[in-house]
Protein backbone atom coordinates (compact mmCIF):
# COMPACT_ATOMS: atom_id res chain seq x y z
CA MET A 1 -13.92 -7.84 9.92
CA ALA A 2 -13.48 -6.21 6.54
CA GLU A 3 -13.94 -2.45 6.72
CA LYS A 4 -14.31 -0.27 3.63
CA ASN A 5 -12.40 2.99 3.55
CA GLU A 6 -13.50 6.20 1.81
CA ASN A 7 -12.38 4.79 -1.57
CA ASN A 8 -14.58 1.70 -1.01
CA GLU A 9 -11.55 -0.59 -0.69
CA GLU A 10 -11.64 -3.44 1.82
CA ILE A 11 -9.25 -3.36 4.76
CA ASN A 12 -9.30 -6.23 7.28
CA LEU A 13 -8.96 -5.14 10.91
CA SER A 14 -9.74 -6.71 14.30
CA VAL A 15 -13.03 -5.61 15.85
CA LEU A 16 -12.89 -4.68 19.54
CA TYR A 17 -16.51 -3.63 19.96
CA ASP A 18 -19.55 -3.76 17.72
CA ASP A 19 -23.15 -2.63 18.27
CA GLU A 20 -25.91 -0.98 16.24
CA GLU A 21 -24.33 2.50 16.37
CA LEU A 22 -20.61 1.95 16.80
CA VAL A 23 -17.81 -0.31 15.59
CA VAL A 24 -14.38 -0.03 17.26
CA MET A 25 -11.43 -1.60 15.46
CA THR A 26 -7.73 -1.81 16.14
CA ALA A 27 -5.30 0.12 13.97
CA PRO A 28 -3.08 -2.12 11.85
CA ASN A 29 0.30 -3.12 13.26
CA GLU A 30 3.42 -2.80 11.07
CA GLU A 31 3.06 -6.23 9.48
CA GLU A 32 -0.66 -5.73 8.78
CA LEU A 33 0.07 -2.30 7.34
CA ARG A 34 2.67 -3.77 4.96
CA ASP A 35 0.12 -6.38 3.83
CA ILE A 36 -2.52 -3.68 3.32
CA LEU A 37 -0.05 -1.58 1.28
CA VAL A 38 0.82 -4.56 -0.93
CA ASN A 39 -2.88 -5.19 -1.55
CA ILE A 40 -3.46 -1.54 -2.45
CA LEU A 41 -0.41 -1.48 -4.77
CA MET A 42 -1.75 -4.52 -6.64
CA GLU A 43 -4.16 -2.04 -8.26
CA GLY A 44 -1.28 0.03 -9.65
CA PRO A 45 1.33 2.63 -8.71
CA LYS A 46 0.46 5.13 -5.97
CA THR A 47 2.18 8.10 -4.34
CA ILE A 48 2.44 8.42 -0.58
CA ARG A 49 -0.29 11.08 -0.71
CA GLN A 50 -2.61 8.64 -2.51
CA LEU A 51 -1.80 5.85 -0.07
CA HIS A 52 -2.39 8.16 2.89
CA SER A 53 -5.74 9.16 1.39
CA VAL A 54 -6.76 5.50 1.18
CA LEU A 55 -5.55 4.82 4.73
CA SER A 56 -6.72 8.05 6.35
CA GLY A 57 -7.64 7.46 9.97
CA LEU A 58 -5.79 4.13 10.02
CA ALA A 59 -2.13 5.04 9.62
CA SER A 60 -0.10 8.24 9.71
CA GLU A 61 2.05 9.31 6.79
CA ASP A 62 5.16 8.46 8.84
CA LYS A 63 3.93 4.89 9.46
CA ILE A 64 3.12 4.51 5.78
CA ARG A 65 6.63 5.75 4.82
CA ARG A 66 8.24 3.40 7.34
CA ALA A 67 6.24 0.42 6.03
CA LEU A 68 7.05 1.32 2.41
CA ASN A 69 10.75 1.59 3.24
CA MET A 70 10.65 -1.88 4.78
CA LEU A 71 8.91 -3.22 1.66
CA VAL A 72 11.56 -1.56 -0.53
CA GLU A 73 14.33 -3.16 1.56
CA GLU A 74 12.57 -6.53 1.16
CA ARG A 75 12.46 -5.86 -2.63
CA LYS A 76 8.67 -6.29 -2.66
CA VAL A 77 8.09 -2.65 -3.64
CA ASP A 78 10.01 -0.16 -5.76
CA TYR A 79 9.50 3.51 -6.60
CA ASP A 80 10.12 5.82 -9.53
CA LYS A 81 11.43 9.38 -9.90
CA GLN A 82 7.92 10.80 -9.56
CA GLY A 83 7.57 9.21 -6.12
CA ARG A 84 5.11 6.50 -7.15
CA TYR A 85 5.43 3.18 -5.37
CA PHE A 86 4.63 -0.07 -7.18
CA LEU A 87 4.99 -3.79 -6.64
CA SER A 88 8.34 -5.17 -7.69
CA ASP A 89 9.13 -8.50 -9.28
CA GLY A 90 12.46 -8.46 -7.45
CA THR A 91 14.43 -7.40 -10.52
CA ILE A 92 13.02 -4.01 -11.55
CA THR A 93 14.62 -1.18 -9.63
CA TYR A 94 14.44 2.62 -9.60
CA TYR A 95 13.57 4.07 -13.03
CA GLU A 96 16.26 6.72 -13.39
CA ASP A 97 16.07 7.86 -16.98
CA TYR A 98 12.37 7.84 -17.80
CA GLU A 99 10.47 11.13 -17.53
CA GLY A 100 7.09 10.25 -19.09
CA GLU A 101 4.16 8.06 -18.15
CA TYR A 102 4.77 4.37 -17.57
CA PRO A 103 2.84 1.75 -19.49
CA GLU A 104 0.46 -0.31 -17.33
CA GLU A 105 2.22 -3.60 -18.07
CA GLN A 106 5.34 -2.49 -16.18
CA TYR A 107 3.31 -2.62 -12.97
CA LEU A 108 1.52 -5.91 -13.38
CA PHE A 109 1.99 -8.25 -10.46
CA ASP A 110 2.14 -11.98 -11.15
CA GLY A 111 2.79 -13.18 -7.57
CA HIS A 112 6.40 -14.26 -8.05
CA GLY A 113 8.84 -13.47 -5.26
CA PHE A 114 6.28 -13.10 -2.48
């Protein structure tokens, strides 16, 4: 079932129980969390605080950090000096010298490498 979080973004989770007053869902496992993070980052760069806000009640900040680190190791996600995570094309790495705002086109995801 697709659940909407507080930012009205869809997150697919397994439903354990559903009635008129209550819906009980499972928390995402590590692989599901990585997929959810990739989907969220398709919208643009986000800090861990922003990601935690989107996933509040579903994943702790530690689980989000762990999943992001795995995605960085897999070269699916990179980060900049300001701590924003974004989807990687497999070639762009840490932006060391840039202090200002990044143009939107640097974060566009075209699906290559996934």
